């Protein structure tokens, strides 16, 4: 097949492109980072998103059998918002249809909710609805938290544990997560790209943790003796905001804290991924969290490669 992947120079998109090329497919990418190094060389051609020029986007997609979409933004910012991401993704979906793409594999989130006041989960639900009504074969993958060498969450939990004497968890920390390895998600995306059934799949890993258990797991793997304390969510947000100024990043938002504490990163479903986070952390404990990973730096720097931790 000829497959278009969004963000192949970034995080999950890169793993998907690797899987596709290894399977013998022809791959192109749509990206906002044309000046970032192309790790695939001549095997992969890059095109700009052109959200404001849908006819150019359609032309870039013409000849592709499948679109695998990972495009999104983590939080609202003066330079990018969830509303813009929703509007841009709808343009992308329609351009794919106009280009004759036969199937779209879309990466969403667990527990999307059109009635939620959390823009992340509401926006994801709006896009799922738009895709379902597009008239193109689709598969929606709903991951929770991704982990891998280039990830933000696991690395920065480890970084915080390495550098701070005390680690605060929001409230009791009893809300659950089911992290999935990024390459397991990529493998599933490639399998689903070859299908033709309209389906929604919860993309979760084989282990379930409470947030406190997750932090404890990282702490013990790194051999650290740190005190974990439960703190009020607003106090935790303000502490992260102050730390964010020091590292020039948005560490977490109020909306993300609410999403965690509302249990939106947990579903009662069979595991899709096979890689255990506990085993992965043990293999990478010597490098995990040695350097802070900035989400804002990745968003604003469209030249540098994502660094593996």
Protein backbone atom coordinates (compact mmCIF):
# COMPACT_ATOMS: atom_id res chain seq x y z
CA UNK A 1 0.00 0.00 0.00
CA UNK A 2 0.87 3.67 -0.21
CA UNK A 3 0.28 5.11 3.26
CA UNK A 4 0.28 8.72 4.44
CA UNK A 5 1.34 9.18 8.08
CA UNK A 6 1.13 12.44 9.97
CA UNK A 7 4.17 13.48 11.99
CA UNK A 8 6.68 10.82 10.90
CA UNK A 9 9.53 13.03 12.17
CA UNK A 10 7.98 13.19 15.64
CA UNK A 11 7.06 10.57 18.23
CA UNK A 12 4.32 8.03 17.52
CA UNK A 13 4.28 8.89 13.81
CA UNK A 14 7.92 7.87 13.52
CA UNK A 15 7.26 4.44 15.01
CA UNK A 16 4.32 3.96 12.66
CA UNK A 17 6.39 4.95 9.63
CA UNK A 18 9.16 2.55 10.69
CA UNK A 19 6.65 -0.30 10.95
CA UNK A 20 5.11 0.50 7.58
CA UNK A 21 8.46 0.67 5.77
CA UNK A 22 9.61 -2.56 7.39
CA UNK A 23 6.43 -4.22 6.11
CA UNK A 24 7.24 -3.09 2.57
CA UNK A 25 4.71 -0.30 2.17
CA UNK A 26 5.33 3.02 0.43
CA UNK A 27 5.12 5.88 2.93
CA UNK A 28 4.77 9.66 2.81
CA UNK A 29 4.34 12.03 5.73
CA UNK A 30 2.42 15.23 6.35
CA UNK A 31 4.21 17.49 8.81
CA UNK A 32 4.66 20.98 10.21
CA UNK A 33 8.39 20.22 10.56
CA UNK A 34 9.75 20.02 7.01
CA UNK A 35 13.13 21.30 8.24
CA UNK A 36 13.53 18.55 10.82
CA UNK A 37 15.96 15.78 9.89
CA UNK A 38 14.37 12.99 7.86
CA UNK A 39 15.50 9.76 9.58
CA UNK A 40 14.18 7.69 6.67
CA UNK A 41 16.11 9.39 3.88
CA UNK A 42 14.83 8.72 0.38
CA UNK A 43 12.42 6.07 1.63
CA UNK A 44 9.95 8.71 2.81
CA UNK A 45 8.85 11.98 1.21
CA UNK A 46 7.51 14.83 3.33
CA UNK A 47 4.73 17.30 2.49
CA UNK A 48 3.48 20.32 4.47
CA UNK A 49 0.07 20.13 6.11
CA UNK A 50 -1.39 23.10 4.19
CA UNK A 51 -4.46 23.21 6.42
CA UNK A 52 -5.26 26.64 4.97
CA UNK A 53 -5.04 25.32 1.40
CA UNK A 54 -7.08 22.16 1.31
CA UNK A 55 -6.59 21.65 -2.42
CA UNK A 56 -2.82 21.34 -1.86
CA UNK A 57 -3.43 18.93 1.00
CA UNK A 58 -5.67 16.84 -1.24
CA UNK A 59 -3.00 16.78 -3.93
CA UNK A 60 -0.36 15.60 -1.43
CA UNK A 61 -2.65 12.74 -0.39
CA UNK A 62 -3.63 11.71 -3.89
CA UNK A 63 -2.54 8.17 -4.65
CA UNK A 64 -2.46 7.13 -1.00
CA UNK A 65 -4.53 4.12 0.02
CA UNK A 66 -4.56 4.86 3.73
CA UNK A 67 -4.09 7.84 6.05
CA UNK A 68 -2.83 7.18 9.59
CA UNK A 69 -3.46 10.28 11.64
CA UNK A 70 -1.64 11.13 14.88
CA UNK A 71 -1.98 14.94 14.58
CA UNK A 72 -3.13 16.69 17.77
CA UNK A 73 -2.09 19.19 20.44
CA UNK A 74 -1.76 18.34 24.13
CA UNK A 75 -3.02 21.62 25.59
CA UNK A 76 -4.30 25.06 24.62
CA UNK A 77 -1.65 27.72 24.03
CA UNK A 78 -1.58 31.15 22.44
CA UNK A 79 0.13 29.56 19.40
CA UNK A 80 -2.10 26.48 19.13
CA UNK A 81 -5.44 25.36 20.56
CA UNK A 82 -7.65 22.29 20.67
CA UNK A 83 -10.30 24.09 18.59
CA UNK A 84 -7.72 24.72 15.87
CA UNK A 85 -6.58 21.11 16.03
CA UNK A 86 -10.17 19.92 15.62
CA UNK A 87 -10.76 22.24 12.66
CA UNK A 88 -7.45 21.26 11.04
CA UNK A 89 -8.14 17.55 11.46
CA UNK A 90 -11.54 17.90 9.81
CA UNK A 91 -9.81 19.59 6.86
CA UNK A 92 -7.39 16.67 6.76
CA UNK A 93 -10.18 14.08 6.82
CA UNK A 94 -12.06 15.78 3.99
CA UNK A 95 -8.89 16.20 1.93
CA UNK A 96 -8.22 12.47 2.33
CA UNK A 97 -11.72 11.65 1.11
CA UNK A 98 -11.37 14.02 -1.85
CA UNK A 99 -8.00 12.43 -2.69
CA UNK A 100 -9.56 8.97 -2.89
CA UNK A 101 -8.01 7.58 0.30
CA UNK A 102 -9.92 4.35 1.01
CA UNK A 103 -9.27 4.09 4.77
CA UNK A 104 -8.33 6.31 7.72
CA UNK A 105 -6.74 5.06 10.93
CA UNK A 106 -7.14 7.77 13.54
CA UNK A 107 -5.44 7.98 16.94
CA UNK A 108 -7.93 9.26 19.52
CA UNK A 109 -8.04 8.88 23.33
CA UNK A 110 -9.80 6.65 25.84
CA UNK A 111 -13.17 7.91 27.05
CA UNK A 112 -13.75 10.78 24.62
CA UNK A 113 -16.87 12.73 25.59
CA UNK A 114 -18.71 15.25 23.44
CA UNK A 115 -20.43 16.61 26.56
CA UNK A 116 -17.24 17.11 28.58
CA UNK A 117 -15.97 20.60 29.35
CA UNK A 118 -12.43 19.24 28.99
CA UNK A 119 -11.40 20.37 25.49
CA UNK A 120 -9.05 17.43 24.93
CA UNK A 121 -11.72 14.77 25.42
CA UNK A 122 -14.51 16.82 23.85
CA UNK A 123 -12.37 17.56 20.78
CA UNK A 124 -11.44 13.92 20.36
CA UNK A 125 -15.11 12.94 20.53
CA UNK A 126 -16.00 15.55 17.92
CA UNK A 127 -13.38 14.16 15.57
CA UNK A 128 -14.54 10.58 16.07
CA UNK A 129 -18.04 11.66 15.10
CA UNK A 130 -16.75 13.54 12.05
CA UNK A 131 -14.76 10.52 10.90
CA UNK A 132 -17.66 8.11 11.40
CA UNK A 133 -19.88 10.27 9.20
CA UNK A 134 -17.25 10.90 6.51
CA UNK A 135 -18.15 7.93 4.35
CA UNK A 136 -14.63 6.45 4.35
CA UNK A 137 -13.60 3.16 5.95
CA UNK A 138 -12.05 3.87 9.35
CA UNK A 139 -10.46 2.49 12.47
CA UNK A 140 -10.25 4.61 15.62
CA UNK A 141 -7.51 3.66 18.07
CA UNK A 142 -8.02 4.94 21.62
CA UNK A 143 -4.74 4.88 23.56
CA UNK A 144 -4.23 6.10 27.10
CA UNK A 145 -0.67 7.14 27.97
CA UNK A 146 2.14 6.25 25.58
CA UNK A 147 5.58 5.29 26.81
CA UNK A 148 8.83 4.92 24.90
CA UNK A 149 12.34 6.35 24.66
CA UNK A 150 11.10 9.72 23.39
CA UNK A 151 8.10 10.09 25.69
CA UNK A 152 7.35 13.01 27.97
CA UNK A 153 5.31 11.70 30.91
CA UNK A 154 7.40 8.73 32.09
CA UNK A 155 10.67 10.52 31.48
CA UNK A 156 9.63 13.62 33.38
CA UNK A 157 8.23 11.63 36.31
CA UNK A 158 11.67 10.01 36.51
CA UNK A 159 13.40 13.39 36.13
CA UNK A 160 11.30 14.84 38.96
CA UNK A 161 12.07 11.87 41.20
CA UNK A 162 15.78 12.26 40.48
CA UNK A 163 15.82 16.01 41.21
CA UNK A 164 13.15 16.71 43.83
CA UNK A 165 13.25 15.51 47.46
CA UNK A 166 9.45 15.12 47.58
CA UNK A 167 7.00 14.07 44.85
CA UNK A 168 3.38 15.17 45.11
CA UNK A 169 0.50 13.19 43.66
CA UNK A 170 -2.82 14.88 43.05
CA UNK A 171 -5.28 13.90 45.76
CA UNK A 172 -5.08 10.27 46.82
CA UNK A 173 -3.49 9.20 43.53
CA UNK A 174 -5.94 6.30 43.24
CA UNK A 175 -7.10 7.05 39.68
CA UNK A 176 -5.96 4.50 37.11
CA UNK A 177 -3.83 4.48 33.97
CA UNK A 178 -3.03 1.75 31.42
CA UNK A 179 0.11 2.86 29.56
CA UNK A 180 0.81 1.35 26.14
CA UNK A 181 4.21 1.08 24.49
CA UNK A 182 4.43 3.40 21.50
CA UNK A 183 5.67 0.64 19.19
CA UNK A 184 2.76 -1.60 20.21
CA UNK A 185 0.42 1.21 19.16
CA UNK A 186 2.36 1.54 15.90
CA UNK A 187 2.06 -2.18 15.23
CA UNK A 188 -1.70 -2.03 15.76
CA UNK A 189 -2.02 0.98 13.45
CA UNK A 190 -0.24 -0.86 10.66
CA UNK A 191 -2.43 -3.96 11.10
CA UNK A 192 -5.60 -1.87 11.11
CA UNK A 193 -4.47 0.04 8.01
CA UNK A 194 -4.84 -3.18 6.02
CA UNK A 195 -8.39 -3.81 7.22
CA UNK A 196 -11.73 -2.64 5.91
CA UNK A 197 -14.01 -2.88 8.96
CA UNK A 198 -15.25 0.24 10.69
CA UNK A 199 -14.17 -0.19 14.29
CA UNK A 200 -13.15 1.51 17.53
CA UNK A 201 -10.38 -0.16 19.52
CA UNK A 202 -9.20 0.69 23.03
CA UNK A 203 -5.41 0.72 22.74
CA UNK A 204 -4.22 -0.06 26.25
CA UNK A 205 -1.22 -1.85 27.71
CA UNK A 206 -1.18 -5.10 29.69
CA UNK A 207 -0.68 -3.43 33.10
CA UNK A 208 -2.98 -1.15 35.10
CA UNK A 209 -1.62 1.23 37.72
CA UNK A 210 -3.03 3.82 40.02
CA UNK A 211 -1.14 7.07 39.54
CA UNK A 212 0.55 6.60 42.90
CA UNK A 213 1.55 3.04 41.95
CA UNK A 214 2.96 4.32 38.66
CA UNK A 215 5.19 6.83 40.44
CA UNK A 216 6.20 4.21 43.01
CA UNK A 217 7.12 1.83 40.20
CA UNK A 218 9.43 4.40 38.61
CA UNK A 219 10.91 5.33 41.99
CA UNK A 220 11.77 1.76 42.93
CA UNK A 221 13.18 0.95 39.48
CA UNK A 222 15.52 3.93 39.75
CA UNK A 223 16.57 2.90 43.26
CA UNK A 224 15.48 6.22 44.75
CA UNK A 225 14.21 6.97 48.24
CA UNK A 226 11.72 9.76 47.77
CA UNK A 227 8.68 10.70 49.82
CA UNK A 228 5.38 10.62 47.95
CA UNK A 229 2.67 12.82 49.41
CA UNK A 230 -0.92 13.47 48.41
CA UNK A 231 -1.61 17.15 47.80
CA UNK A 232 -4.69 19.15 46.79
CA UNK A 233 -4.94 19.31 42.98
CA UNK A 234 -4.78 23.12 42.84
CA UNK A 235 -1.67 23.20 45.03
CA UNK A 236 -0.09 20.55 42.82
CA UNK A 237 -0.96 22.55 39.71
CA UNK A 238 0.60 25.71 41.13
CA UNK A 239 3.76 23.83 42.12
CA UNK A 240 4.03 22.40 38.60
CA UNK A 241 3.44 25.86 37.17
CA UNK A 242 6.37 27.29 39.16
CA UNK A 243 8.58 24.38 38.14
CA UNK A 244 7.42 24.88 34.57
CA UNK A 245 8.76 28.43 34.58
CA UNK A 246 12.17 27.09 35.60
CA UNK A 247 12.25 24.45 32.83
CA UNK A 248 10.39 26.68 30.32
CA UNK A 249 7.60 24.21 29.76
CA UNK A 250 3.96 23.47 30.54
CA UNK A 251 4.33 20.49 32.83
CA UNK A 252 0.62 19.85 33.32
CA UNK A 253 -2.63 21.79 33.01
CA UNK A 254 -5.66 21.96 35.27
CA UNK A 255 -7.62 20.16 32.56
CA UNK A 256 -5.09 17.33 32.41
CA UNK A 257 -5.21 16.93 36.19
CA UNK A 258 -9.00 16.71 36.02
CA UNK A 259 -8.83 14.18 33.20
CA UNK A 260 -6.51 12.01 35.29
CA UNK A 261 -8.61 12.26 38.44
CA UNK A 262 -11.85 11.59 36.54
CA UNK A 263 -10.42 8.23 35.45
CA UNK A 264 -10.48 9.05 31.74
CA UNK A 265 -7.23 7.14 31.13
CA UNK A 266 -8.74 3.84 32.24
CA UNK A 267 -11.14 1.48 30.47
CA UNK A 268 -12.35 -1.99 31.28
CA UNK A 269 -11.13 -3.70 28.11
CA UNK A 270 -8.65 -6.33 26.92
CA UNK A 271 -5.06 -5.19 26.45
CA UNK A 272 -3.97 -4.37 22.91
CA UNK A 273 -0.26 -3.98 23.65
CA UNK A 274 1.99 -6.73 25.01
CA UNK A 275 4.95 -4.72 26.31
CA UNK A 276 4.92 -4.29 30.09
CA UNK A 277 5.84 -0.88 31.42
CA UNK A 278 7.52 -2.43 34.48
CA UNK A 279 9.90 -4.43 32.29
CA UNK A 280 10.53 -1.48 29.95
CA UNK A 281 11.41 0.82 32.86
CA UNK A 282 13.81 -1.77 34.25
CA UNK A 283 15.59 -1.98 30.89
CA UNK A 284 15.91 1.83 30.63
CA UNK A 285 16.40 2.77 34.27
CA UNK A 286 19.97 4.00 33.74
CA UNK A 287 18.92 6.66 31.21
CA UNK A 288 15.30 7.36 32.10
CA UNK A 289 14.87 10.88 33.49
CA UNK A 290 18.49 11.93 33.12
CA UNK A 291 17.34 14.92 31.09
CA UNK A 292 14.07 16.83 31.14
CA UNK A 293 11.90 16.51 28.02
CA UNK A 294 10.07 19.72 27.09
CA UNK A 295 6.73 19.54 25.31
CA UNK A 296 6.93 23.24 24.47
CA UNK A 297 10.40 22.88 22.98
CA UNK A 298 9.10 20.18 20.67
CA UNK A 299 6.18 22.36 19.61
CA UNK A 300 8.25 25.48 18.97
CA UNK A 301 11.47 23.93 17.63
CA UNK A 302 10.68 22.57 14.18
CA UNK A 303 14.32 21.80 13.35
CA UNK A 304 15.73 19.53 16.08
CA UNK A 305 15.10 15.80 16.26
CA UNK A 306 13.20 14.30 19.18
CA UNK A 307 15.78 12.99 21.63
CA UNK A 308 15.59 9.45 23.01
CA UNK A 309 16.01 9.25 26.77
